[in-house]
Each structure stands twice: as C-alpha cells, then as structure tokens.
Amino acid sequence: MGEFHYVDLFATKGIEYIVVIIYLIILIPFWKFLTRNKDSYRYNPHSHHSHSTTSNSPSAGGEK
C-alpha cells in the first residue's frame, strides 16, 4: 500500500491570487480586441481620412 501524504490546500493560496490577478489584467486587452470596431479598419473611399486630394465624384464640384 502507498503512503499517505498530507497536502495543505492553503499553501498555494498566494500563487492562486497571483494567477487570478494576471488573468484579470490580461482579460481587459483581450476583451477590447474582441469588441473593437472592425468597420474603422476597412478602406472607405468616402471617409475624411483619405490621402488623395482630388476626387472624381460629381458632388465634389468638379467637371461633369
């Protein structure tokens, strides 16, 4: 028969707290990554952040 080994469940309590704190800290950027606005990363030719200075659209006031 095997020997009985006494295991103190509360001996690792400090490590468990550290693991939970690290998990909660990592959860915040991960949640922001999952819930980011994906439309803001797509190319939109009608956005105000366009790098071109000329436009071919009729509403720009150019020649028709």
Foldseek 3Di string as FASTA:
>chain_A
DDDDDDDDPCPCVVVVVVVVVVVVVVVVVVVCVVPPDPVVPDDDPPDPPDPDPDDPDVVVVDDD
